[in-house]
Protein backbone atom coordinates (compact mmCIF):
# COMPACT_ATOMS: atom_id res chain seq x y z
CA MET A 1 -2.32 35.43 -181.27
CA GLY A 2 -0.50 38.73 -180.83
CA LYS A 3 3.18 39.48 -181.07
CA ARG A 4 5.84 38.07 -178.76
CA ARG A 5 9.22 39.73 -178.55
CA ARG A 6 12.41 38.61 -177.03
CA VAL A 7 15.19 40.90 -175.73
CA ALA A 8 16.71 39.23 -178.90
CA GLU A 9 26.44 25.08 -226.42
CA ARG A 10 25.78 23.53 -229.26
CA ARG A 11 22.23 24.44 -229.77
CA ARG A 12 19.69 21.90 -231.05
CA THR A 13 16.06 22.87 -231.63
CA ARG A 14 14.52 19.80 -233.20
CA ARG A 15 14.79 16.11 -232.30
CA PRO A 16 17.15 14.84 -229.59
CA ALA A 17 20.57 13.75 -230.76
CA VAL A 18 21.15 10.02 -230.75
CA LEU A 19 24.63 8.68 -230.03
CA GLY A 20 25.26 4.95 -229.92
CA GLY A 21 21.52 4.36 -229.57
CA VAL A 22 21.17 6.67 -226.55
CA ALA A 23 18.98 9.75 -226.88
CA ALA A 24 20.47 12.91 -225.44
CA VAL A 25 18.57 14.63 -222.70
CA VAL A 26 16.37 17.45 -223.86
CA VAL A 27 16.66 20.51 -221.65
CA ALA A 28 14.67 23.71 -221.99
CA GLY A 29 13.01 22.89 -225.29
CA GLY A 30 15.81 20.98 -226.94
CA ALA A 31 18.95 23.03 -226.13
CA PHE A 32 22.17 21.76 -224.63
CA GLY A 33 21.23 18.06 -224.87
CA ALA A 34 24.49 17.07 -226.59
CA TYR A 35 26.72 18.98 -224.23
CA SER A 36 27.76 16.22 -221.92
CA LEU A 37 27.61 13.56 -224.60
CA TYR A 38 30.20 15.30 -226.81
CA GLY A 39 32.74 15.74 -224.08
CA GLY A 40 31.86 19.23 -222.89
CA THR A 41 32.34 20.16 -219.28
CA ALA A 42 29.83 19.05 -216.69
CA ALA A 43 29.20 22.32 -214.97
CA GLY A 44 30.62 25.00 -217.21
CA ASP A 45 33.59 25.60 -214.88
CA GLY A 46 36.40 24.03 -216.94
CA THR A 47 36.45 20.82 -214.82
CA SER A 48 34.75 17.48 -214.83
CA PRO A 49 32.59 16.41 -211.86
CA GLY A 50 34.64 15.69 -208.78
CA THR A 51 37.74 17.70 -209.73
CA ALA A 52 39.18 19.56 -206.77
CA HIS A 53 39.46 23.36 -206.96
CA THR A 54 42.07 25.57 -205.47
CA ARG A 55 39.66 28.45 -205.04
CA VAL A 56 35.99 28.57 -204.02
CA ARG A 57 33.61 30.09 -206.48
CA THR A 58 31.07 32.46 -204.97
CA GLY A 59 28.23 34.63 -206.03
CA PRO A 60 24.97 33.87 -207.82
CA LEU A 61 24.90 30.97 -210.27
CA THR A 62 24.98 31.98 -213.91
CA ALA A 63 22.43 30.72 -216.44
CA LYS A 64 25.22 28.75 -218.13
CA GLU A 65 26.21 27.06 -214.86
CA ILE A 66 22.60 26.06 -214.15
CA ARG A 67 22.11 24.80 -217.65
CA THR A 68 25.27 22.71 -217.92
CA ALA A 69 25.13 21.34 -214.36
CA SER A 70 21.58 20.14 -214.77
CA THR A 71 22.29 18.73 -218.26
CA ALA A 72 25.31 16.78 -217.03
CA PHE A 73 23.27 15.10 -214.36
CA LEU A 74 20.22 14.33 -216.46
CA ALA A 75 22.28 13.03 -219.39
CA ALA A 76 24.27 10.68 -217.15
CA TRP A 77 21.15 9.42 -215.40
CA GLN A 78 19.41 8.73 -218.69
CA GLN A 79 22.42 6.80 -220.00
CA GLY A 80 22.49 4.72 -216.88
CA ASP A 81 25.92 6.02 -215.85
CA VAL A 82 25.28 6.04 -212.13
CA ALA A 83 28.81 7.11 -211.15
CA LYS A 84 28.83 10.03 -213.51
CA ALA A 85 25.34 11.17 -212.53
CA ALA A 86 26.16 10.94 -208.84
CA ALA A 87 29.41 12.93 -209.36
CA ALA A 88 27.30 15.71 -210.91
CA THR A 89 25.60 16.26 -207.54
CA ASP A 90 26.81 17.72 -204.25
CA ASP A 91 26.38 14.38 -202.42
CA ALA A 92 27.78 11.66 -204.67
CA THR A 93 27.48 8.90 -202.07
CA ALA A 94 23.76 9.39 -201.36
CA ALA A 95 22.97 9.97 -205.05
CA ARG A 96 24.84 6.81 -206.10
CA THR A 97 22.91 4.70 -203.61
CA ALA A 98 19.58 6.10 -204.72
CA LEU A 99 20.26 5.85 -208.43
CA THR A 100 21.46 2.27 -208.06
CA GLY A 101 18.28 1.34 -206.21
CA TYR A 102 16.22 3.06 -208.87
CA ALA A 103 17.41 0.51 -211.47
CA GLU A 104 17.97 -2.59 -209.26
CA ASP A 105 15.21 -2.39 -206.63
CA ALA A 106 12.55 -0.38 -208.48
CA ARG A 107 13.22 -2.23 -211.78
CA ILE A 108 12.91 1.01 -213.74
CA THR A 109 14.44 0.94 -217.23
CA GLY A 110 14.42 2.89 -220.49
CA VAL A 111 14.55 6.21 -218.78
CA GLU A 112 13.90 9.28 -220.99
CA LEU A 113 14.32 12.69 -219.34
CA THR A 114 13.10 15.98 -220.72
CA GLY A 115 14.07 19.19 -219.00
CA GLY A 116 11.93 22.32 -218.82
CA ALA A 117 12.79 25.98 -218.67
CA PRO A 118 14.71 26.85 -215.44
CA SER A 119 13.19 29.14 -212.90
CA GLY A 120 16.20 30.60 -211.15
CA ALA A 121 18.28 27.62 -210.06
CA ASP A 122 15.29 25.27 -210.20
CA VAL A 123 15.02 23.05 -213.25
CA PRO A 124 11.80 21.04 -213.80
CA PHE A 125 11.95 17.85 -215.81
CA THR A 126 9.76 14.96 -216.83
CA VAL A 127 10.49 11.25 -216.68
CA LYS A 128 9.23 8.51 -219.04
CA ALA A 129 10.35 4.99 -218.34
CA SER A 130 9.21 1.40 -217.95
CA VAL A 131 8.80 -0.77 -214.87
CA ALA A 132 9.27 -4.50 -215.50
CA TYR A 133 8.91 -7.42 -213.11
CA ARG A 134 8.83 -11.15 -214.00
CA GLY A 135 7.54 -10.67 -217.53
CA THR A 136 5.11 -7.88 -216.77
CA ALA A 137 5.88 -4.31 -217.72
CA LYS A 138 4.10 -0.99 -217.61
CA PRO A 139 5.01 2.56 -218.57
CA LEU A 140 5.86 5.06 -215.88
CA ALA A 141 5.65 8.85 -216.25
CA TYR A 142 5.98 11.64 -213.76
CA SER A 143 7.44 15.10 -213.21
CA SER A 144 10.17 16.22 -210.84
CA GLU A 145 12.52 19.05 -210.24
CA LEU A 146 16.19 19.63 -209.38
CA THR A 147 18.01 22.64 -207.96
CA VAL A 148 21.52 23.63 -208.90
CA VAL A 149 23.70 24.81 -206.01
CA ARG A 150 27.30 25.69 -205.32
CA ARG A 151 29.21 22.80 -203.82
CA PRO A 152 30.49 24.05 -200.44
CA GLU A 153 34.08 22.88 -200.76
CA ASP A 154 34.90 24.57 -204.08
CA GLY A 155 31.80 26.55 -205.17
CA ALA A 156 31.35 24.42 -208.29
CA ALA A 157 27.82 24.24 -209.69
CA ARG A 158 26.27 20.87 -208.95
CA VAL A 159 22.79 19.43 -208.59
CA GLY A 160 21.70 19.71 -204.98
CA TRP A 161 20.97 16.12 -204.03
CA LYS A 162 17.78 15.17 -202.26
CA PRO A 163 15.59 12.09 -202.71
CA SER A 164 12.76 14.05 -204.31
CA VAL A 165 14.97 14.69 -207.35
CA LEU A 166 14.60 10.98 -208.15
CA HIS A 167 10.86 11.01 -207.47
CA PRO A 168 8.77 13.78 -205.85
CA ASP A 169 7.24 11.36 -203.36
CA LEU A 170 10.60 10.37 -201.85
CA ARG A 171 11.83 11.73 -198.57
CA ASP A 172 15.01 10.98 -196.62
CA GLY A 173 15.27 7.31 -195.87
CA ASP A 174 12.59 6.21 -198.35
CA ARG A 175 13.17 3.68 -201.14
CA LEU A 176 11.53 2.81 -204.45
CA VAL A 177 10.80 -0.98 -204.71
CA THR A 178 8.94 -3.06 -207.28
CA GLY A 179 7.63 -6.47 -206.30
CA ALA A 180 4.80 -8.24 -204.52
CA SER A 181 3.21 -5.68 -202.31
CA GLY A 182 3.68 -6.62 -198.71
CA THR A 183 0.15 -5.53 -197.89
CA PRO A 184 -2.96 -6.40 -200.04
CA PRO A 185 -4.97 -3.44 -201.33
CA VAL A 186 -8.16 -2.29 -199.63
CA THR A 187 -11.29 -0.56 -200.91
CA ALA A 188 -12.23 2.13 -198.43
CA LEU A 189 -15.90 2.93 -198.03
CA ASP A 190 -17.66 5.98 -196.60
CA ARG A 191 -20.30 5.64 -193.89
CA ASP A 192 -22.98 5.15 -196.56
CA GLY A 193 -21.09 2.38 -198.36
CA GLY A 194 -19.74 4.46 -201.25
CA GLU A 195 -16.15 3.99 -202.42
CA LEU A 196 -13.60 6.54 -201.38
CA THR A 197 -10.96 7.31 -203.99
CA ALA A 198 -8.18 9.88 -204.23
CA ALA A 199 -9.51 10.80 -207.72
CA ARG A 200 -12.78 11.98 -206.18
CA TYR A 201 -11.39 13.15 -202.84
CA PRO A 202 -7.77 14.30 -203.45
CA SER A 203 -7.08 14.85 -199.73
CA LEU A 204 -7.60 11.17 -198.96
CA GLY A 205 -4.51 9.85 -200.73
CA THR A 206 -2.49 9.52 -197.53
CA VAL A 207 -5.51 8.37 -195.61
CA LEU A 208 -6.12 5.53 -198.10
CA ASP A 209 -2.45 4.56 -197.84
CA GLY A 210 -2.81 4.45 -194.12
CA LEU A 211 -5.91 2.29 -194.20
CA ARG A 212 -4.17 -0.17 -196.43
CA GLU A 213 -1.12 -0.26 -194.16
CA LYS A 214 -3.23 -1.11 -191.15
CA TYR A 215 -6.05 -3.20 -192.51
CA GLY A 216 -4.72 -4.72 -195.76
CA LYS A 217 -3.72 -8.00 -194.22
CA THR A 218 -6.97 -8.51 -192.36
CA ALA A 219 -9.58 -7.17 -194.73
CA GLY A 220 -9.66 -10.25 -197.02
CA GLY A 221 -7.58 -8.97 -199.96
CA LYS A 222 -4.71 -10.44 -201.95
CA ALA A 223 -1.44 -8.65 -202.74
CA GLY A 224 -0.57 -7.53 -206.27
CA ILE A 225 2.69 -6.50 -207.98
CA GLU A 226 3.45 -2.79 -207.51
CA LEU A 227 6.04 -0.05 -207.69
CA ARG A 228 5.83 1.67 -204.34
CA VAL A 229 7.60 4.05 -202.03
CA VAL A 230 8.77 2.10 -198.96
CA ARG A 231 8.97 4.63 -196.16
CA LYS A 232 11.80 4.70 -193.68
CA ALA A 233 11.34 3.01 -190.32
CA ALA A 234 9.82 5.16 -187.57
CA LYS A 235 11.93 6.45 -184.73
CA LYS A 236 11.50 4.79 -181.38
CA GLY A 237 8.06 5.67 -180.01
CA GLY A 238 6.95 7.10 -183.34
CA ARG A 239 4.67 5.82 -186.08
CA LYS A 240 5.87 4.89 -189.55
CA THR A 241 4.36 6.84 -192.46
CA PRO A 242 2.44 4.42 -194.71
CA ASP A 243 4.07 3.15 -197.88
CA LYS A 244 2.68 4.58 -201.12
CA THR A 245 1.80 2.78 -204.33
CA LEU A 246 3.01 4.60 -207.47
CA LEU A 247 2.22 2.03 -210.15
CA THR A 248 0.28 -1.26 -210.20
CA LEU A 249 1.67 -3.91 -212.56
CA THR A 250 -0.64 -6.72 -211.52
CA GLU A 251 -3.84 -6.06 -209.60
CA GLY A 252 -4.37 -7.75 -206.30
CA ARG A 253 -7.80 -8.41 -204.76
CA ALA A 254 -8.93 -5.65 -202.51
CA GLY A 255 -10.48 -6.13 -199.13
CA LYS A 256 -13.04 -3.63 -197.78
CA VAL A 257 -12.80 -1.20 -194.90
CA THR A 258 -15.66 1.05 -193.84
CA THR A 259 -14.87 4.49 -192.44
CA THR A 260 -16.86 7.11 -190.58
CA LEU A 261 -16.47 9.73 -193.35
CA SER A 262 -19.60 11.45 -194.71
CA PRO A 263 -19.39 11.68 -198.51
CA ALA A 264 -21.20 15.04 -198.64
CA LEU A 265 -19.14 16.62 -195.89
CA GLN A 266 -15.91 15.22 -197.32
CA ALA A 267 -16.70 16.74 -200.70
CA GLU A 268 -17.47 20.05 -199.05
CA ALA A 269 -14.26 19.99 -197.03
CA GLU A 270 -12.26 19.40 -200.20
CA ARG A 271 -13.94 22.30 -201.91
CA LEU A 272 -13.35 24.66 -199.00
CA VAL A 273 -9.62 24.02 -198.60
CA ALA A 274 -8.96 24.18 -202.34
CA ALA A 275 -9.29 27.95 -202.15
CA GLU A 276 -6.12 28.17 -200.00
CA SER A 277 -2.61 27.01 -200.80
CA ARG A 278 -1.96 25.40 -197.37
CA ALA A 279 -5.19 24.80 -195.52
CA SER A 280 -6.32 21.81 -193.46
CA VAL A 281 -9.64 21.04 -191.75
CA VAL A 282 -11.26 18.27 -189.70
CA LEU A 283 -14.90 17.80 -188.72
CA LEU A 284 -16.05 15.25 -186.13
CA ARG A 285 -19.01 14.31 -183.97
CA PRO A 286 -18.43 15.29 -180.29
CA SER A 287 -20.81 12.71 -178.85
CA THR A 288 -18.95 9.78 -180.38
CA GLY A 289 -15.60 10.94 -181.75
CA GLU A 290 -16.47 9.84 -185.31
CA ILE A 291 -14.46 11.76 -187.95
CA LEU A 292 -16.84 13.01 -190.65
CA ALA A 293 -14.41 14.86 -192.91
CA VAL A 294 -10.70 15.58 -193.28
CA ALA A 295 -9.11 17.70 -196.04
CA ASN A 296 -5.80 19.35 -196.93
CA SER A 297 -5.18 21.62 -199.89
CA SER A 298 -1.65 20.23 -200.08
CA HIS A 299 -1.91 16.47 -200.67
CA GLY A 300 1.62 15.18 -200.05
CA PHE A 301 1.31 15.19 -196.23
CA ASN A 302 -1.72 14.86 -194.03
CA THR A 303 -1.32 17.98 -191.92
CA ALA A 304 -4.86 17.62 -190.61
CA PHE A 305 -3.96 14.37 -188.86
CA GLN A 306 -0.18 14.34 -188.60
CA GLY A 307 0.82 17.99 -188.54
CA SER A 308 2.77 19.35 -185.62
CA LEU A 309 2.22 23.10 -185.43
CA ALA A 310 1.96 25.72 -182.71
CA PRO A 311 -1.81 26.21 -182.29
CA GLY A 312 -1.67 29.80 -181.14
CA SER A 313 -4.54 31.20 -179.17
CA THR A 314 -6.85 28.21 -179.79
CA MET A 315 -4.74 26.65 -176.99
CA LYS A 316 -6.37 29.19 -174.66
CA VAL A 317 -9.38 26.86 -174.48
CA ILE A 318 -7.32 24.40 -172.55
CA THR A 319 -5.54 27.11 -170.54
CA ALA A 320 -8.84 28.75 -169.62
CA SER A 321 -10.11 25.45 -168.29
CA LEU A 322 -7.00 25.23 -166.10
CA LEU A 323 -7.49 28.78 -164.77
CA PHE A 324 -11.13 28.05 -164.00
CA ASP A 325 -10.16 24.82 -162.22
CA LYS A 326 -7.63 26.65 -160.06
CA HIS A 327 -9.89 29.57 -159.42
CA LEU A 328 -7.45 31.98 -161.07
CA ALA A 329 -10.15 33.30 -163.42
CA SER A 330 -13.91 33.46 -163.52
CA ALA A 331 -15.86 34.15 -166.71
CA ASP A 332 -17.79 37.15 -165.45
CA LYS A 333 -15.38 38.55 -162.93
CA PRO A 334 -12.80 41.30 -163.51
CA HIS A 335 -9.50 40.07 -164.93
CA PRO A 336 -6.37 41.97 -165.97
CA CYS A 337 -5.55 42.54 -169.62
CA PRO A 338 -2.67 45.02 -169.74
CA LYS A 339 -0.87 45.96 -172.96
CA THR A 340 2.16 43.89 -172.02
CA SER A 341 3.20 41.37 -169.40
CA THR A 342 6.72 40.14 -168.60
CA TYR A 343 7.58 36.63 -167.37
CA GLY A 344 10.79 34.74 -167.34
CA GLY A 345 12.66 37.57 -169.06
CA TRP A 346 10.30 37.72 -172.06
CA LYS A 347 7.95 40.64 -172.65
CA PHE A 348 4.65 39.43 -174.07
CA HIS A 349 2.36 41.73 -176.09
CA ASN A 350 -1.25 41.80 -177.14
CA ASP A 351 -2.04 42.30 -180.84
CA ASP A 352 -1.23 45.97 -181.49
CA ASP A 353 -0.66 46.34 -177.78
CA PHE A 354 -4.35 46.70 -176.97
CA GLU A 355 -5.57 46.60 -173.40
CA ILE A 356 -8.91 46.05 -171.73
CA ARG A 357 -9.50 48.21 -168.67
CA ASN A 358 -11.85 46.94 -165.97
CA GLY A 359 -12.89 44.03 -168.19
CA THR A 360 -13.97 40.50 -167.36
CA PHE A 361 -12.10 37.31 -168.25
CA LYS A 362 -14.85 36.57 -170.77
CA ALA A 363 -14.07 39.81 -172.54
CA SER A 364 -10.37 38.97 -172.53
CA PHE A 365 -10.96 35.48 -173.91
CA ALA A 366 -13.32 36.75 -176.62
CA ARG A 367 -10.75 39.33 -177.76
CA SER A 368 -7.87 36.87 -177.38
CA CYS A 369 -5.94 38.91 -174.83
CA ASN A 370 -2.54 37.28 -174.39
CA THR A 371 -1.61 39.08 -171.17
CA ALA A 372 -4.75 37.87 -169.44
CA PHE A 373 -3.05 34.50 -169.47
CA ILE A 374 0.59 35.53 -169.01
CA THR A 375 -0.21 37.42 -165.84
CA GLN A 376 -1.27 34.11 -164.27
CA ALA A 377 1.90 32.14 -165.17
CA LYS A 378 3.56 32.86 -161.82
CA LYS A 379 0.68 31.16 -160.04
CA LEU A 380 1.00 27.92 -162.05
CA GLY A 381 3.26 24.94 -161.76
CA ASN A 382 5.47 24.02 -164.72
CA ASP A 383 3.51 20.83 -165.37
CA ASP A 384 -0.01 22.16 -164.78
CA LEU A 385 -0.85 22.78 -168.43
CA THR A 386 0.63 19.41 -169.48
CA LYS A 387 -1.54 17.57 -166.92
CA GLN A 388 -4.64 19.47 -167.96
CA ALA A 389 -4.12 18.60 -171.65
CA GLN A 390 -3.45 14.94 -170.82
CA GLN A 391 -5.91 14.24 -168.05
CA VAL A 392 -8.92 16.20 -169.37
CA PHE A 393 -8.46 16.51 -173.11
CA GLY A 394 -6.69 13.22 -173.82
CA LEU A 395 -3.78 14.92 -175.60
CA SER A 396 0.02 14.56 -175.53
CA ARG A 397 0.06 10.90 -174.52
CA ASN A 398 0.83 9.31 -177.94
CA ASN A 399 -1.87 6.71 -177.52
CA TRP A 400 -4.61 7.63 -180.00
CA SER A 401 -5.61 4.86 -182.42
CA ILE A 402 -7.89 6.47 -185.01
CA GLY A 403 -7.36 3.86 -187.73
CA VAL A 404 -4.58 5.61 -189.68
CA PRO A 405 -1.38 7.36 -188.45
CA SER A 406 -1.98 10.49 -186.40
CA PHE A 407 -0.12 12.87 -184.13
CA ASP A 408 -1.87 13.28 -180.81
CA GLY A 409 -0.52 16.70 -179.83
CA SER A 410 2.36 17.66 -177.57
CA VAL A 411 2.24 19.81 -174.46
CA PRO A 412 5.67 19.34 -172.88
CA VAL A 413 6.52 20.42 -169.36
CA GLN A 414 8.35 23.75 -169.68
CA SER A 415 9.59 26.42 -167.34
CA ALA A 416 10.13 30.17 -167.21
CA ALA A 417 9.22 32.09 -170.37
CA PRO A 418 8.55 29.04 -172.59
CA MET A 419 6.04 27.84 -169.99
CA ALA A 420 4.25 31.17 -170.17
CA ALA A 421 4.31 31.11 -173.97
CA SER A 422 2.71 27.66 -173.94
CA LEU A 423 -0.29 29.10 -172.14
CA MET A 424 -1.17 30.90 -175.37
CA GLY A 425 -0.20 28.06 -177.74
CA GLN A 426 3.36 28.97 -178.48
CA GLY A 427 6.56 27.69 -176.81
CA GLY A 428 6.85 23.95 -177.31
CA VAL A 429 3.11 23.24 -177.74
CA ARG A 430 2.26 21.45 -181.00
CA MET A 431 -1.15 20.49 -182.42
CA ASN A 432 -3.01 19.82 -185.63
CA PRO A 433 -6.66 20.34 -186.71
CA LEU A 434 -7.64 16.85 -185.48
CA ASN A 435 -6.36 17.70 -182.02
CA MET A 436 -8.05 21.06 -181.89
CA ALA A 437 -11.34 19.74 -183.24
CA SER A 438 -11.17 17.22 -180.40
CA VAL A 439 -10.64 20.04 -177.91
CA ALA A 440 -13.80 21.79 -179.08
CA ALA A 441 -15.64 18.46 -179.05
CA THR A 442 -14.55 17.81 -175.47
CA VAL A 443 -16.02 21.18 -174.36
CA LYS A 444 -19.28 20.50 -176.22
CA SER A 445 -19.80 16.91 -175.03
CA GLY A 446 -18.41 17.46 -171.56
CA SER A 447 -15.85 14.62 -171.78
CA PHE A 448 -13.11 13.41 -174.11
CA HIS A 449 -14.04 10.90 -176.84
CA GLN A 450 -11.04 9.88 -178.83
CA PRO A 451 -11.59 10.68 -182.50
CA TYR A 452 -11.66 7.73 -184.89
CA LEU A 453 -11.90 7.14 -188.64
CA VAL A 454 -12.51 3.38 -188.41
CA SER A 455 -14.81 2.00 -185.75
CA PRO A 456 -12.94 0.07 -183.02
CA ASP A 457 -15.47 -2.71 -183.57
CA VAL A 458 -13.69 -3.54 -186.84
CA ASP A 459 -10.46 -4.66 -185.18
CA HIS A 460 -11.36 -4.62 -181.49
CA ARG A 461 -8.72 -2.00 -180.70
CA THR A 462 -8.90 0.09 -177.51
CA LEU A 463 -9.45 3.78 -177.86
CA ALA A 464 -7.67 6.28 -175.66
CA THR A 465 -9.49 7.74 -172.68
CA ALA A 466 -9.01 10.71 -170.34
CA SER A 467 -8.58 10.17 -166.62
CA ARG A 468 -10.98 12.90 -165.51
CA THR A 469 -13.64 15.33 -166.72
CA LEU A 470 -14.09 19.01 -166.07
CA SER A 471 -16.09 20.12 -163.04
CA ALA A 472 -19.58 21.36 -163.76
CA SER A 473 -18.55 24.94 -162.90
CA THR A 474 -15.47 24.89 -165.18
CA LEU A 475 -17.43 23.28 -168.03
CA ALA A 476 -20.19 25.80 -167.78
CA GLN A 477 -17.72 28.75 -167.82
CA LEU A 478 -15.73 27.31 -170.67
CA ARG A 479 -18.84 26.93 -172.78
CA GLU A 480 -19.91 30.47 -171.83
CA VAL A 481 -16.65 32.11 -172.95
CA MET A 482 -16.50 30.17 -176.18
CA GLN A 483 -20.12 30.97 -176.97
CA TYR A 484 -19.46 34.68 -176.27
CA THR A 485 -16.43 34.54 -178.59
CA ALA A 486 -18.62 33.08 -181.33
CA ALA A 487 -21.35 35.71 -180.75
CA ALA A 488 -19.38 38.84 -180.06
CA GLY A 489 -15.64 38.15 -180.13
CA THR A 490 -12.99 37.44 -182.75
CA ALA A 491 -14.97 34.50 -184.15
CA ALA A 492 -18.23 36.44 -184.54
CA GLU A 493 -17.95 37.19 -188.27
CA ALA A 494 -17.15 33.61 -189.24
CA MET A 495 -19.81 32.11 -186.96
CA SER A 496 -22.58 34.51 -187.82
CA GLY A 497 -25.94 32.81 -188.15
CA LEU A 498 -24.80 29.49 -186.64
CA GLY A 499 -25.99 30.04 -183.05
CA PRO A 500 -27.13 29.84 -180.42
CA ASP A 501 -25.80 26.35 -179.66
CA TYR A 502 -22.25 27.11 -180.65
CA GLY A 503 -18.84 28.15 -179.45
CA ALA A 504 -15.47 29.06 -180.97
CA LYS A 505 -11.95 30.27 -180.49
CA THR A 506 -9.62 31.90 -182.96
CA GLY A 507 -5.81 31.80 -183.04
CA SER A 508 -2.73 33.09 -184.83
CA ALA A 509 0.57 31.32 -184.27
CA GLU A 510 3.88 33.02 -185.04
CA VAL A 511 6.47 30.92 -186.83
CA ASP A 512 10.11 31.75 -187.12
CA HIS A 513 11.19 32.97 -190.60
CA GLN A 514 7.55 33.21 -191.68
CA LYS A 515 6.16 36.58 -192.74
CA GLU A 516 2.56 35.89 -191.74
CA PRO A 517 1.40 33.76 -188.76
CA ASN A 518 -0.60 30.57 -189.18
CA GLY A 519 -4.33 31.16 -188.80
CA TRP A 520 -6.26 28.76 -186.54
CA PHE A 521 -9.91 28.24 -185.70
CA THR A 522 -11.76 25.71 -183.57
CA ALA A 523 -15.49 25.60 -182.96
CA TRP A 524 -18.58 23.52 -182.33
CA LYS A 525 -22.23 23.75 -183.45
CA GLY A 526 -24.71 21.28 -182.13
CA ASP A 527 -23.23 17.80 -182.33
CA LEU A 528 -20.48 18.88 -184.69
CA ALA A 529 -16.99 20.12 -183.92
CA GLY A 530 -14.29 21.23 -186.24
CA ALA A 531 -10.92 22.92 -186.48
CA GLY A 532 -8.70 24.19 -189.22
CA VAL A 533 -5.43 25.93 -189.96
CA VAL A 534 -4.31 28.06 -192.87
CA GLN A 535 -0.53 28.25 -192.81
CA GLN A 536 0.81 31.75 -193.33
CA GLY A 537 -2.83 32.83 -193.41
CA GLY A 538 -2.74 35.56 -190.74
CA HIS A 539 -5.59 35.95 -188.29
CA GLY A 540 -7.55 32.74 -187.84
CA GLY A 541 -10.95 34.40 -187.77
CA ASP A 542 -10.38 35.67 -191.29
CA THR A 543 -8.81 32.57 -192.88
CA ALA A 544 -9.43 29.26 -191.09
CA GLY A 545 -12.62 30.55 -189.55
CA PRO A 546 -14.75 30.72 -192.71
CA ILE A 547 -13.64 27.18 -193.70
CA VAL A 548 -14.57 25.64 -190.38
CA ALA A 549 -17.83 27.62 -190.09
CA ALA A 550 -18.95 26.65 -193.62
CA LEU A 551 -18.27 23.02 -192.85
CA LEU A 552 -20.24 23.22 -189.63
CA LYS A 553 -23.12 24.87 -191.53
CA ALA A 554 -22.98 22.13 -194.22
CA GLY A 555 -23.34 19.54 -191.45
CA GLY A 556 -26.77 20.93 -190.47
């Protein structure tokens, strides 16, 4: 998508010191470990944690402040001094609650912390401990990171508290708990009967958690004893993120759940996204809705299924269908594409302010002309795009049931300039690769088939449906403009050699405080449809496009 503008110590180098049977924390290769244990200050500012200041310190943190603040916290945590560790943070109340739960609820003991070399104010560290429950114990090891900040009220250097300091998988509202798992484990199988594991398919970690959450109690398994992340309750109308197992003390008996994933295509999807730092992709079968592959290069959150991002110009597929329905555009008829267009007080631009003189709508769509859509905003109702997305493409109704948690897209009713921006996938519109793969699939198949990862026959759940289909004329034109885009438009390079039964749309979505836009791509080839996003990737045809196209090609 183009641009949119608004008229807007004592040093120790060998073994850790031991005092009263407690090993001092090792920070940055052995230095400063004895600092807090021998009565030194907690943050290098002449005070102990929690002392009030009469003046507020400002300016960048010094290396000494970072070193001593982090050491004070780590040493107190290792000693089991919850009050002292909490006081070494900028939110003592939240830290105290979390650290208390770490020992009492998670049953984690014998904590040994080793700090690494700071990078600015960020200090990495490793944790070695033991988890014990009813006579069974196992070692626990992981890495985390803390950041030293200035406390707002006095500028003192303190550890900036957030749950991920305790464990990198923790987010606000989450807890660590050890005990009988509430849900028995499951063994997830691909469509050919092979076992799906996070070790083989790294992107599937969150998917496997989701499958266990939904099917664990009905798949014939038996619960074990585990240390797990218990996620916070979902907001009203939302869906709770699945709990995550961190350590298994006693194995349960796993039930089995078969998915629609193709092992070959899943492996290829994993390989393709690994080349980017923040890429996500989904591949599905338009005629049925079966999800064949899902992958994310970042494994902590399933952006492909649960992401909520502006889709940029890939949204123009839905908008074009609306314009065709309302006879506001026709694929082969002349259509305006000026350099700029103003609506609702905002001036919208094309990429590099290009224009197409005496061109057709097909030419504007293929080149991703923003103004070709903005010029029609005045002829549309505020809820027209929302209705089109819901009624035809099955989006923005929060009723998909794919087998694991997913976000079903959001196209809110908007007015004035935000309504116009939504026509080109900005404003309040939010999607993820699963949603946009479904959009391409709907165009290819002619009707909406809700995507799914587990067949509804397994649990007799009802899949979402759309209330209407596109007219024959609109469908034909939509396929025509997407095919032209794949053959001669912004998607041509990525889709080269995949025709003639294909279609595509590129997109770039601007994000506040982000140097480069997110690159999007959605396409179909035969009975396959896919979509992907590369966050901060730039133009979708150059970044997400090759990933989606390669996966389509791998599908045959």
